[in-house]
Amino acid sequence: MVIAWKGMGDDQGIYWSKFDGNSWTPFQNIAGRGTSHAPALASAGDRLFMFWKGMGDEQRIFFSWLDAAADSIWQPGWQVAYPASQTSGMSLEAVFTDHHPTAVVRDQIIFLA
């Protein structure tokens, strides 16, 4: 099991810990990530995905993943975006929110709300 949370009060850092079957590991800050709301976790395949809203007024949603290996680390954060096509060409459109995202998995497909 893994837990992830936003820091207390004005601390917008994202922290996490793993449960090894007996106890929780010491919590760690995930470097380079921050949020003004709670992150969401979803497991698909051999990866645990985390989604979060940006810090403060930043409304983009970001994601990262942690592989199942015992020594894995969180991968770099990426913006959640989808391809949009127009007659003038393709673009990536960011996904925005003013609150925390929620993630669920069905048939190994992650759905965000």
PDB file of N, CA and C in Angstrom:
ATOM      1  N   MET A   1       0.833  -1.178   0.000  1.00  0.00           N
ATOM      2  CA  MET A   1       0.000   0.000   0.000  1.00  0.00           C
ATOM      3  C   MET A   1       0.878   1.241   0.000  1.00  0.00           C
ATOM      4  N   VAL A   2       0.366   2.278  -0.619  1.00  0.00           N
ATOM      5  CA  VAL A   2       1.047   3.570  -0.676  1.00  0.00           C
ATOM      6  C   VAL A   2       0.044   4.652  -0.323  1.00  0.00           C
ATOM      7  N   ILE A   3       0.502   5.642   0.408  1.00  0.00           N
ATOM      8  CA  ILE A   3      -0.319   6.800   0.728  1.00  0.00           C
ATOM      9  C   ILE A   3       0.428   8.041   0.254  1.00  0.00           C
ATOM     10  N   ALA A   4      -0.308   9.030  -0.255  1.00  0.00           N
ATOM     11  CA  ALA A   4       0.278  10.301  -0.678  1.00  0.00           C
ATOM     12  C   ALA A   4      -0.623  11.417  -0.171  1.00  0.00           C
ATOM     13  N   TRP A   5      -0.019  12.548   0.213  1.00  0.00           N
ATOM     14  CA  TRP A   5      -0.800  13.648   0.749  1.00  0.00           C
ATOM     15  C   TRP A   5      -0.101  14.976   0.526  1.00  0.00           C
ATOM     16  N   LYS A   6      -0.902  16.051   0.611  1.00  0.00           N
ATOM     17  CA  LYS A   6      -0.394  17.420   0.553  1.00  0.00           C
ATOM     18  C   LYS A   6       0.089  17.796   1.943  1.00  0.00           C
ATOM     19  N   GLY A   7       1.111  18.623   2.017  1.00  0.00           N
ATOM     20  CA  GLY A   7       1.598  19.102   3.304  1.00  0.00           C
ATOM     21  C   GLY A   7       0.541  19.902   4.046  1.00  0.00           C
ATOM     22  N   MET A   8       0.796  20.156   5.316  1.00  0.00           N
ATOM     23  CA  MET A   8      -0.164  20.879   6.159  1.00  0.00           C
ATOM     24  C   MET A   8      -0.107  22.382   5.914  1.00  0.00           C
ATOM     25  N   GLY A   9      -1.253  23.044   6.061  1.00  0.00           N
ATOM     26  CA  GLY A   9      -1.315  24.499   5.961  1.00  0.00           C
ATOM     27  C   GLY A   9      -0.814  25.019   4.628  1.00  0.00           C
ATOM     28  N   ASP A  10       0.166  25.921   4.678  1.00  0.00           N
ATOM     29  CA  ASP A  10       0.722  26.526   3.466  1.00  0.00           C
ATOM     30  C   ASP A  10       1.744  25.643   2.761  1.00  0.00           C
ATOM     31  N   ASP A  11       2.106  24.504   3.351  1.00  0.00           N
ATOM     32  CA  ASP A  11       3.075  23.583   2.739  1.00  0.00           C
ATOM     33  C   ASP A  11       2.401  22.877   1.570  1.00  0.00           C
ATOM     34  N   GLN A  12       2.793  23.204   0.343  1.00  0.00           N
ATOM     35  CA  GLN A  12       2.179  22.602  -0.839  1.00  0.00           C
ATOM     36  C   GLN A  12       2.981  21.420  -1.378  1.00  0.00           C
ATOM     37  N   GLY A  13       3.944  20.938  -0.606  1.00  0.00           N
ATOM     38  CA  GLY A  13       4.698  19.756  -1.005  1.00  0.00           C
ATOM     39  C   GLY A  13       3.820  18.518  -1.023  1.00  0.00           C
ATOM     40  N   ILE A  14       4.227  17.518  -1.808  1.00  0.00           N
ATOM     41  CA  ILE A  14       3.531  16.230  -1.848  1.00  0.00           C
ATOM     42  C   ILE A  14       4.430  15.218  -1.156  1.00  0.00           C
ATOM     43  N   TYR A  15       3.858  14.476  -0.226  1.00  0.00           N
ATOM     44  CA  TYR A  15       4.593  13.499   0.576  1.00  0.00           C
ATOM     45  C   TYR A  15       3.999  12.122   0.338  1.00  0.00           C
ATOM     46  N   TRP A  16       4.803  11.093   0.625  1.00  0.00           N
ATOM     47  CA  TRP A  16       4.318   9.737   0.436  1.00  0.00           C
ATOM     48  C   TRP A  16       5.009   8.777   1.384  1.00  0.00           C
ATOM     49  N   SER A  17       4.386   7.602   1.559  1.00  0.00           N
ATOM     50  CA  SER A  17       4.931   6.541   2.396  1.00  0.00           C
ATOM     51  C   SER A  17       4.384   5.214   1.881  1.00  0.00           C
ATOM     52  N   LYS A  18       5.152   4.131   2.106  1.00  0.00           N
ATOM     53  CA  LYS A  18       4.726   2.773   1.717  1.00  0.00           C
ATOM     54  C   LYS A  18       4.525   1.933   2.972  1.00  0.00           C
ATOM     55  N   PHE A  19       3.558   1.043   2.911  1.00  0.00           N
ATOM     56  CA  PHE A  19       3.317   0.082   3.982  1.00  0.00           C
ATOM     57  C   PHE A  19       3.912  -1.243   3.553  1.00  0.00           C
ATOM     58  N   ASP A  20       4.826  -1.792   4.342  1.00  0.00           N
ATOM     59  CA  ASP A  20       5.525  -3.018   3.960  1.00  0.00           C
ATOM     60  C   ASP A  20       4.873  -4.289   4.504  1.00  0.00           C
ATOM     61  N   GLY A  21       3.691  -4.174   5.056  1.00  0.00           N
ATOM     62  CA  GLY A  21       3.016  -5.317   5.659  1.00  0.00           C
ATOM     63  C   GLY A  21       3.070  -5.269   7.173  1.00  0.00           C
ATOM     64  N   ASN A  22       4.034  -4.539   7.717  1.00  0.00           N
ATOM     65  CA  ASN A  22       4.177  -4.402   9.171  1.00  0.00           C
ATOM     66  C   ASN A  22       4.116  -2.956   9.642  1.00  0.00           C
ATOM     67  N   SER A  23       4.731  -2.061   8.875  1.00  0.00           N
ATOM     68  CA  SER A  23       4.768  -0.655   9.278  1.00  0.00           C
ATOM     69  C   SER A  23       4.931   0.242   8.056  1.00  0.00           C
ATOM     70  N   TRP A  24       4.679   1.537   8.275  1.00  0.00           N
ATOM     71  CA  TRP A  24       4.844   2.535   7.220  1.00  0.00           C
ATOM     72  C   TRP A  24       6.293   2.982   7.183  1.00  0.00           C
ATOM     73  N   THR A  25       6.813   3.180   5.971  1.00  0.00           N
ATOM     74  CA  THR A  25       8.166   3.720   5.825  1.00  0.00           C
ATOM     75  C   THR A  25       8.151   5.190   6.237  1.00  0.00           C
ATOM     76  N   PRO A  26       9.299   5.763   6.618  1.00  0.00           N
ATOM     77  CA  PRO A  26       9.322   7.200   6.927  1.00  0.00           C
ATOM     78  C   PRO A  26       8.817   7.990   5.724  1.00  0.00           C
ATOM     79  N   PHE A  27       8.001   9.012   5.963  1.00  0.00           N
ATOM     80  CA  PHE A  27       7.449   9.769   4.847  1.00  0.00           C
ATOM     81  C   PHE A  27       8.538  10.562   4.162  1.00  0.00           C
ATOM     82  N   GLN A  28       8.349  10.754   2.872  1.00  0.00           N
ATOM     83  CA  GLN A  28       9.312  11.484   2.050  1.00  0.00           C
ATOM     84  C   GLN A  28       8.583  12.521   1.219  1.00  0.00           C
ATOM     85  N   ASN A  29       9.234  13.662   1.011  1.00  0.00           N
ATOM     86  CA  ASN A  29       8.733  14.667   0.093  1.00  0.00           C
ATOM     87  C   ASN A  29       9.113  14.228  -1.319  1.00  0.00           C
ATOM     88  N   ILE A  30       8.188  14.359  -2.262  1.00  0.00           N
ATOM     89  CA  ILE A  30       8.493  14.024  -3.651  1.00  0.00           C
ATOM     90  C   ILE A  30       9.045  15.288  -4.295  1.00  0.00           C
ATOM     91  N   ALA A  31      10.316  15.262  -4.605  1.00  0.00           N
ATOM     92  CA  ALA A  31      11.018  16.445  -5.110  1.00  0.00           C
ATOM     93  C   ALA A  31      10.381  17.006  -6.376  1.00  0.00           C
ATOM     94  N   GLY A  32      10.292  18.333  -6.425  1.00  0.00           N
ATOM     95  CA  GLY A  32       9.839  19.004  -7.633  1.00  0.00           C
ATOM     96  C   GLY A  32       8.347  18.992  -7.869  1.00  0.00           C
ATOM     97  N   ARG A  33       7.556  18.556  -6.883  1.00  0.00           N
ATOM     98  CA  ARG A  33       6.107  18.524  -7.052  1.00  0.00           C
ATOM     99  C   ARG A  33       5.437  19.292  -5.936  1.00  0.00           C
ATOM    100  N   GLY A  34       4.337  19.934  -6.283  1.00  0.00           N
ATOM    101  CA  GLY A  34       3.578  20.654  -5.283  1.00  0.00           C
ATOM    102  C   GLY A  34       2.137  20.772  -5.723  1.00  0.00           C
ATOM    103  N   THR A  35       1.249  20.924  -4.750  1.00  0.00           N
ATOM    104  CA  THR A  35      -0.176  20.999  -5.029  1.00  0.00           C
ATOM    105  C   THR A  35      -0.881  21.817  -3.962  1.00  0.00           C
ATOM    106  N   SER A  36      -1.991  22.398  -4.336  1.00  0.00           N
ATOM    107  CA  SER A  36      -2.812  23.114  -3.369  1.00  0.00           C
ATOM    108  C   SER A  36      -3.954  22.232  -2.857  1.00  0.00           C
ATOM    109  N   HIS A  37      -4.068  21.015  -3.377  1.00  0.00           N
ATOM    110  CA  HIS A  37      -5.124  20.076  -2.989  1.00  0.00           C
ATOM    111  C   HIS A  37      -4.536  18.673  -2.881  1.00  0.00           C
ATOM    112  N   ALA A  38      -5.328  17.734  -2.423  1.00  0.00           N
ATOM    113  CA  ALA A  38      -4.871  16.354  -2.251  1.00  0.00           C
ATOM    114  C   ALA A  38      -4.575  15.685  -3.584  1.00  0.00           C
ATOM    115  N   PRO A  39      -3.501  14.889  -3.675  1.00  0.00           N
ATOM    116  CA  PRO A  39      -3.253  14.112  -4.890  1.00  0.00           C
ATOM    117  C   PRO A  39      -4.153  12.874  -4.928  1.00  0.00           C
ATOM    118  N   ALA A  40      -4.262  12.284  -6.115  1.00  0.00           N
ATOM    119  CA  ALA A  40      -5.029  11.049  -6.304  1.00  0.00           C
ATOM    120  C   ALA A  40      -4.081   9.950  -6.762  1.00  0.00           C
ATOM    121  N   LEU A  41      -4.313   8.728  -6.307  1.00  0.00           N
ATOM    122  CA  LEU A  41      -3.504   7.571  -6.693  1.00  0.00           C
ATOM    123  C   LEU A  41      -4.378   6.557  -7.414  1.00  0.00           C
ATOM    124  N   ALA A  42      -3.790   5.879  -8.415  1.00  0.00           N
ATOM    125  CA  ALA A  42      -4.479   4.804  -9.132  1.00  0.00           C
ATOM    126  C   ALA A  42      -3.434   3.824  -9.631  1.00  0.00           C
ATOM    127  N   SER A  43      -3.699   2.543  -9.473  1.00  0.00           N
ATOM    128  CA  SER A  43      -2.764   1.498  -9.885  1.00  0.00           C
ATOM    129  C   SER A  43      -3.260   0.853 -11.178  1.00  0.00           C
ATOM    130  N   ALA A  44      -2.375   0.792 -12.173  1.00  0.00           N
ATOM    131  CA  ALA A  44      -2.688   0.140 -13.444  1.00  0.00           C
ATOM    132  C   ALA A  44      -1.451  -0.624 -13.894  1.00  0.00           C
ATOM    133  N   GLY A  45      -1.616  -1.889 -14.195  1.00  0.00           N
ATOM    134  CA  GLY A  45      -0.470  -2.714 -14.578  1.00  0.00           C
ATOM    135  C   GLY A  45       0.500  -2.802 -13.403  1.00  0.00           C
ATOM    136  N   ASP A  46       1.784  -2.630 -13.676  1.00  0.00           N
ATOM    137  CA  ASP A  46       2.815  -2.668 -12.636  1.00  0.00           C
ATOM    138  C   ASP A  46       3.219  -1.279 -12.178  1.00  0.00           C
ATOM    139  N   ARG A  47       2.338  -0.299 -12.362  1.00  0.00           N
ATOM    140  CA  ARG A  47       2.666   1.074 -11.993  1.00  0.00           C
ATOM    141  C   ARG A  47       1.592   1.671 -11.095  1.00  0.00           C
ATOM    142  N   LEU A  48       2.056   2.524 -10.191  1.00  0.00           N
ATOM    143  CA  LEU A  48       1.162   3.337  -9.384  1.00  0.00           C
ATOM    144  C   LEU A  48       1.239   4.749  -9.941  1.00  0.00           C
ATOM    145  N   PHE A  49       0.112   5.294 -10.360  1.00  0.00           N
ATOM    146  CA  PHE A  49       0.065   6.634 -10.923  1.00  0.00           C
ATOM    147  C   PHE A  49      -0.438   7.615  -9.876  1.00  0.00           C
ATOM    148  N   MET A  50       0.112   8.818  -9.908  1.00  0.00           N
ATOM    149  CA  MET A  50      -0.330   9.888  -9.037  1.00  0.00           C
ATOM    150  C   MET A  50      -0.720  11.079  -9.907  1.00  0.00           C
ATOM    151  N   PHE A  51      -1.846  11.708  -9.571  1.00  0.00           N
ATOM    152  CA  PHE A  51      -2.350  12.880 -10.284  1.00  0.00           C
ATOM    153  C   PHE A  51      -2.531  14.000  -9.275  1.00  0.00           C
ATOM    154  N   TRP A  52      -2.200  15.227  -9.665  1.00  0.00           N
ATOM    155  CA  TRP A  52      -2.358  16.348  -8.751  1.00  0.00           C
ATOM    156  C   TRP A  52      -2.593  17.641  -9.509  1.00  0.00           C
ATOM    157  N   LYS A  53      -3.308  18.555  -8.860  1.00  0.00           N
ATOM    158  CA  LYS A  53      -3.503  19.907  -9.352  1.00  0.00           C
ATOM    159  C   LYS A  53      -2.238  20.684  -9.024  1.00  0.00           C
ATOM    160  N   GLY A  54      -1.907  21.673  -9.840  1.00  0.00           N
ATOM    161  CA  GLY A  54      -0.736  22.493  -9.566  1.00  0.00           C
ATOM    162  C   GLY A  54      -0.868  23.293  -8.278  1.00  0.00           C
ATOM    163  N   MET A  55       0.185  24.027  -7.934  1.00  0.00           N
ATOM    164  CA  MET A  55       0.203  24.820  -6.714  1.00  0.00           C
ATOM    165  C   MET A  55      -0.559  26.130  -6.895  1.00  0.00           C
ATOM    166  N   GLY A  56      -1.160  26.621  -5.810  1.00  0.00           N
ATOM    167  CA  GLY A  56      -1.813  27.931  -5.817  1.00  0.00           C
ATOM    168  C   GLY A  56      -2.862  28.058  -6.906  1.00  0.00           C
ATOM    169  N   ASP A  57      -2.705  29.102  -7.738  1.00  0.00           N
ATOM    170  CA  ASP A  57      -3.664  29.354  -8.809  1.00  0.00           C
ATOM    171  C   ASP A  57      -3.420  28.512 -10.062  1.00  0.00           C
ATOM    172  N   GLU A  58      -2.351  27.718 -10.084  1.00  0.00           N
ATOM    173  CA  GLU A  58      -2.066  26.837 -11.230  1.00  0.00           C
ATOM    174  C   GLU A  58      -3.171  25.800 -11.318  1.00  0.00           C
ATOM    175  N   GLN A  59      -3.883  25.731 -12.435  1.00  0.00           N
ATOM    176  CA  GLN A  59      -5.035  24.837 -12.557  1.00  0.00           C
ATOM    177  C   GLN A  59      -4.788  23.615 -13.430  1.00  0.00           C
ATOM    178  N   ARG A  60      -3.565  23.467 -13.963  1.00  0.00           N
ATOM    179  CA  ARG A  60      -3.296  22.262 -14.749  1.00  0.00           C
ATOM    180  C   ARG A  60      -3.218  21.039 -13.836  1.00  0.00           C
ATOM    181  N   ILE A  61      -3.523  19.869 -14.409  1.00  0.00           N
ATOM    182  CA  ILE A  61      -3.382  18.596 -13.707  1.00  0.00           C
ATOM    183  C   ILE A  61      -2.101  17.941 -14.209  1.00  0.00           C
ATOM    184  N   PHE A  62      -1.324  17.388 -13.290  1.00  0.00           N
ATOM    185  CA  PHE A  62      -0.064  16.728 -13.601  1.00  0.00           C
ATOM    186  C   PHE A  62      -0.129  15.269 -13.169  1.00  0.00           C
ATOM    187  N   PHE A  63       0.803  14.459 -13.689  1.00  0.00           N
ATOM    188  CA  PHE A  63       0.871  13.061 -13.266  1.00  0.00           C
ATOM    189  C   PHE A  63       2.303  12.575 -13.246  1.00  0.00           C
ATOM    190  N   SER A  64       2.508  11.507 -12.486  1.00  0.00           N
ATOM    191  CA  SER A  64       3.783  10.812 -12.405  1.00  0.00           C
ATOM    192  C   SER A  64       3.460   9.356 -12.097  1.00  0.00           C
ATOM    193  N   TRP A  65       4.465   8.489 -12.118  1.00  0.00           N
ATOM    194  CA  TRP A  65       4.225   7.095 -11.766  1.00  0.00           C
ATOM    195  C   TRP A  65       5.420   6.519 -11.031  1.00  0.00           C
ATOM    196  N   LEU A  66       5.114   5.466 -10.301  1.00  0.00           N
ATOM    197  CA  LEU A  66       6.098   4.723  -9.526  1.00  0.00           C
ATOM    198  C   LEU A  66       6.003   3.275  -9.977  1.00  0.00           C
ATOM    199  N   ASP A  67       7.116   2.705 -10.448  1.00  0.00           N
ATOM    200  CA  ASP A  67       7.110   1.309 -10.864  1.00  0.00           C
ATOM    201  C   ASP A  67       7.041   0.393  -9.649  1.00  0.00           C
ATOM    202  N   ALA A  68       6.691  -0.878  -9.859  1.00  0.00           N
ATOM    203  CA  ALA A  68       6.481  -1.831  -8.772  1.00  0.00           C
ATOM    204  C   ALA A  68       7.768  -2.287  -8.100  1.00  0.00           C
ATOM    205  N   ALA A  69       8.921  -2.132  -8.742  1.00  0.00           N
ATOM    206  CA  ALA A  69      10.186  -2.594  -8.158  1.00  0.00           C
ATOM    207  C   ALA A  69      10.441  -1.914  -6.815  1.00  0.00           C
ATOM    208  N   ALA A  70      11.027  -2.638  -5.887  1.00  0.00           N
ATOM    209  CA  ALA A  70      11.253  -2.128  -4.533  1.00  0.00           C
ATOM    210  C   ALA A  70      12.097  -0.854  -4.500  1.00  0.00           C
ATOM    211  N   ASP A  71      13.026  -0.712  -5.430  1.00  0.00           N
ATOM    212  CA  ASP A  71      13.929   0.447  -5.410  1.00  0.00           C
ATOM    213  C   ASP A  71      13.524   1.542  -6.401  1.00  0.00           C
ATOM    214  N   SER A  72      12.293   1.506  -6.899  1.00  0.00           N
ATOM    215  CA  SER A  72      11.875   2.491  -7.900  1.00  0.00           C
ATOM    216  C   SER A  72      11.649   3.856  -7.254  1.00  0.00           C
ATOM    217  N   ILE A  73      11.725   4.886  -8.078  1.00  0.00           N
ATOM    218  CA  ILE A  73      11.501   6.259  -7.632  1.00  0.00           C
ATOM    219  C   ILE A  73      10.402   6.873  -8.489  1.00  0.00           C
ATOM    220  N   TRP A  74       9.785   7.952  -7.990  1.00  0.00           N
ATOM    221  CA  TRP A  74       8.762   8.642  -8.766  1.00  0.00           C
ATOM    222  C   TRP A  74       9.384   9.231 -10.022  1.00  0.00           C
ATOM    223  N   GLN A  75       8.726   9.033 -11.133  1.00  0.00           N
ATOM    224  CA  GLN A  75       9.196   9.557 -12.414  1.00  0.00           C
ATOM    225  C   GLN A  75       8.900  11.060 -12.498  1.00  0.00           C
ATOM    226  N   PRO A  76       9.525  11.764 -13.458  1.00  0.00           N
ATOM    227  CA  PRO A  76       9.257  13.199 -13.593  1.00  0.00           C
ATOM    228  C   PRO A  76       7.765  13.465 -13.783  1.00  0.00           C
ATOM    229  N   GLY A  77       7.328  14.622 -13.351  1.00  0.00           N
ATOM    230  CA  GLY A  77       5.928  15.000 -13.506  1.00  0.00           C
ATOM    231  C   GLY A  77       5.645  15.477 -14.916  1.00  0.00           C
ATOM    232  N   TRP A  78       4.484  15.113 -15.423  1.00  0.00           N
ATOM    233  CA  TRP A  78       4.047  15.505 -16.762  1.00  0.00           C
ATOM    234  C   TRP A  78       2.670  16.130 -16.667  1.00  0.00           C
ATOM    235  N   GLN A  79       2.381  17.045 -17.543  1.00  0.00           N
ATOM    236  CA  GLN A  79       1.073  17.668 -17.632  1.00  0.00           C
ATOM    237  C   GLN A  79       0.091  16.688 -18.275  1.00  0.00           C
ATOM    238  N   VAL A  80      -1.113  16.571 -17.733  1.00  0.00           N
ATOM    239  CA  VAL A  80      -2.161  15.770 -18.374  1.00  0.00           C
ATOM    240  C   VAL A  80      -2.694  16.585 -19.553  1.00  0.00           C
ATOM    241  N   ALA A  81      -2.622  16.009 -20.733  1.00  0.00           N
ATOM    242  CA  ALA A  81      -3.070  16.706 -21.948  1.00  0.00           C
ATOM    243  C   ALA A  81      -3.578  15.674 -22.943  1.00  0.00           C
ATOM    244  N   TYR A  82      -4.391  16.137 -23.868  1.00  0.00           N
ATOM    245  CA  TYR A  82      -4.918  15.253 -24.912  1.00  0.00           C
ATOM    246  C   TYR A  82      -4.675  15.902 -26.272  1.00  0.00           C
ATOM    247  N   PRO A  83      -4.523  15.088 -27.315  1.00  0.00           N
ATOM    248  CA  PRO A  83      -4.307  15.655 -28.646  1.00  0.00           C
ATOM    249  C   PRO A  83      -5.618  16.185 -29.240  1.00  0.00           C
ATOM    250  N   ALA A  84      -5.539  17.365 -29.809  1.00  0.00           N
ATOM    251  CA  ALA A  84      -6.698  17.960 -30.492  1.00  0.00           C
ATOM    252  C   ALA A  84      -6.290  18.250 -31.930  1.00  0.00           C
ATOM    253  N   SER A  85      -7.147  17.930 -32.855  1.00  0.00           N
ATOM    254  CA  SER A  85      -6.819  18.173 -34.260  1.00  0.00           C
ATOM    255  C   SER A  85      -7.758  19.202 -34.854  1.00  0.00           C
ATOM    256  N   GLN A  86      -7.180  20.045 -35.658  1.00  0.00           N
ATOM    257  CA  GLN A  86      -7.920  21.059 -36.388  1.00  0.00           C
ATOM    258  C   GLN A  86      -7.367  21.067 -37.804  1.00  0.00           C
ATOM    259  N   THR A  87      -8.013  21.772 -38.694  1.00  0.00           N
ATOM    260  CA  THR A  87      -7.510  21.808 -40.064  1.00  0.00           C
ATOM    261  C   THR A  87      -6.127  22.445 -40.131  1.00  0.00           C
ATOM    262  N   SER A  88      -5.774  23.267 -39.132  1.00  0.00           N
ATOM    263  CA  SER A  88      -4.460  23.921 -39.126  1.00  0.00           C
ATOM    264  C   SER A  88      -3.371  23.045 -38.507  1.00  0.00           C
ATOM    265  N   GLY A  89      -3.739  21.923 -37.897  1.00  0.00           N
ATOM    266  CA  GLY A  89      -2.730  21.023 -37.333  1.00  0.00           C
ATOM    267  C   GLY A  89      -3.144  20.460 -35.984  1.00  0.00           C
ATOM    268  N   MET A  90      -2.229  19.710 -35.385  1.00  0.00           N
ATOM    269  CA  MET A  90      -2.458  19.057 -34.097  1.00  0.00           C
ATOM    270  C   MET A  90      -1.903  19.930 -32.980  1.00  0.00           C
ATOM    271  N   SER A  91      -2.531  19.828 -31.808  1.00  0.00           N
ATOM    272  CA  SER A  91      -2.017  20.502 -30.616  1.00  0.00           C
ATOM    273  C   SER A  91      -2.321  19.642 -29.405  1.00  0.00           C
ATOM    274  N   LEU A  92      -1.608  19.888 -28.325  1.00  0.00           N
ATOM    275  CA  LEU A  92      -1.903  19.231 -27.059  1.00  0.00           C
ATOM    276  C   LEU A  92      -2.682  20.210 -26.201  1.00  0.00           C
ATOM    277  N   GLU A  93      -3.837  19.779 -25.723  1.00  0.00           N
ATOM    278  CA  GLU A  93      -4.696  20.614 -24.891  1.00  0.00           C
ATOM    279  C   GLU A  93      -4.574  20.160 -23.443  1.00  0.00           C
ATOM    280  N   ALA A  94      -4.210  21.069 -22.563  1.00  0.00           N
ATOM    281  CA  ALA A  94      -4.070  20.756 -21.145  1.00  0.00           C
ATOM    282  C   ALA A  94      -5.432  20.509 -20.515  1.00  0.00           C
ATOM    283  N   VAL A  95      -5.433  19.738 -19.430  1.00  0.00           N
ATOM    284  CA  VAL A  95      -6.634  19.473 -18.652  1.00  0.00           C
ATOM    285  C   VAL A  95      -6.526  20.302 -17.375  1.00  0.00           C
ATOM    286  N   PHE A  96      -7.594  21.027 -17.032  1.00  0.00           N
ATOM    287  CA  PHE A  96      -7.576  21.957 -15.912  1.00  0.00           C
ATOM    288  C   PHE A  96      -8.593  21.578 -14.841  1.00  0.00           C
ATOM    289  N   THR A  97      -8.351  22.043 -13.609  1.00  0.00           N
ATOM    290  CA  THR A  97      -9.299  21.887 -12.509  1.00  0.00           C
ATOM    291  C   THR A  97      -9.044  22.991 -11.491  1.00  0.00           C
ATOM    292  N   ASP A  98     -10.040  23.292 -10.682  1.00  0.00           N
ATOM    293  CA  ASP A  98      -9.809  24.223  -9.581  1.00  0.00           C
ATOM    294  C   ASP A  98      -9.909  23.497  -8.240  1.00  0.00           C
ATOM    295  N   HIS A  99      -9.898  22.167  -8.287  1.00  0.00           N
ATOM    296  CA  HIS A  99      -9.955  21.340  -7.085  1.00  0.00           C
ATOM    297  C   HIS A  99      -9.050  20.126  -7.312  1.00  0.00           C
ATOM    298  N   HIS A 100      -9.144  19.131  -6.471  1.00  0.00           N
ATOM    299  CA  HIS A 100      -8.283  17.956  -6.653  1.00  0.00           C
ATOM    300  C   HIS A 100      -8.886  16.982  -7.656  1.00  0.00           C
ATOM    301  N   PRO A 101      -8.040  16.295  -8.435  1.00  0.00           N
ATOM    302  CA  PRO A 101      -8.561  15.269  -9.348  1.00  0.00           C
ATOM    303  C   PRO A 101      -8.866  13.980  -8.585  1.00  0.00           C
ATOM    304  N   THR A 102      -9.696  13.159  -9.183  1.00  0.00           N
ATOM    305  CA  THR A 102      -9.987  11.822  -8.674  1.00  0.00           C
ATOM    306  C   THR A 102      -9.665  10.845  -9.791  1.00  0.00           C
ATOM    307  N   ALA A 103      -9.098   9.703  -9.448  1.00  0.00           N
ATOM    308  CA  ALA A 103      -8.722   8.709 -10.457  1.00  0.00           C
ATOM    309  C   ALA A 103      -9.273   7.340 -10.072  1.00  0.00           C
ATOM    310  N   VAL A 104      -9.806   6.627 -11.060  1.00  0.00           N
ATOM    311  CA  VAL A 104     -10.256   5.248 -10.878  1.00  0.00           C
ATOM    312  C   VAL A 104      -9.744   4.427 -12.056  1.00  0.00           C
ATOM    313  N   VAL A 105      -9.648   3.118 -11.847  1.00  0.00           N
ATOM    314  CA  VAL A 105      -9.171   2.216 -12.896  1.00  0.00           C
ATOM    315  C   VAL A 105     -10.265   1.216 -13.216  1.00  0.00           C
ATOM    316  N   ARG A 106     -10.487   1.021 -14.509  1.00  0.00           N
ATOM    317  CA  ARG A 106     -11.418  -0.009 -14.980  1.00  0.00           C
ATOM    318  C   ARG A 106     -10.778  -0.675 -16.183  1.00  0.00           C
ATOM    319  N   ASP A 107     -10.605  -1.985 -16.137  1.00  0.00           N
ATOM    320  CA  ASP A 107      -9.980  -2.743 -17.221  1.00  0.00           C
ATOM    321  C   ASP A 107      -8.620  -2.154 -17.601  1.00  0.00           C
ATOM    322  N   GLN A 108      -7.843  -1.791 -16.603  1.00  0.00           N
ATOM    323  CA  GLN A 108      -6.490  -1.248 -16.772  1.00  0.00           C
ATOM    324  C   GLN A 108      -6.463   0.110 -17.490  1.00  0.00           C
ATOM    325  N   ILE A 109      -7.593   0.803 -17.531  1.00  0.00           N
ATOM    326  CA  ILE A 109      -7.668   2.153 -18.093  1.00  0.00           C
ATOM    327  C   ILE A 109      -7.945   3.107 -16.949  1.00  0.00           C
ATOM    328  N   ILE A 110      -7.174   4.173 -16.842  1.00  0.00           N
ATOM    329  CA  ILE A 110      -7.359   5.154 -15.784  1.00  0.00           C
ATOM    330  C   ILE A 110      -8.319   6.239 -16.261  1.00  0.00           C
ATOM    331  N   PHE A 111      -9.319   6.515 -15.447  1.00  0.00           N
ATOM    332  CA  PHE A 111     -10.277   7.580 -15.713  1.00  0.00           C
ATOM    333  C   PHE A 111     -10.079   8.668 -14.668  1.00  0.00           C
ATOM    334  N   LEU A 112     -10.022   9.911 -15.122  1.00  0.00           N
ATOM    335  CA  LEU A 112      -9.884  11.061 -14.225  1.00  0.00           C
ATOM    336  C   LEU A 112     -11.193  11.834 -14.173  1.00  0.00           C
ATOM    337  N   ALA A 113     -11.501  12.352 -13.011  1.00  0.00           N
ATOM    338  CA  ALA A 113     -12.665  13.220 -12.850  1.00  0.00           C
ATOM    339  C   ALA A 113     -12.246  14.417 -12.021  1.00  0.00           C
TER     340      ALA A 113
END
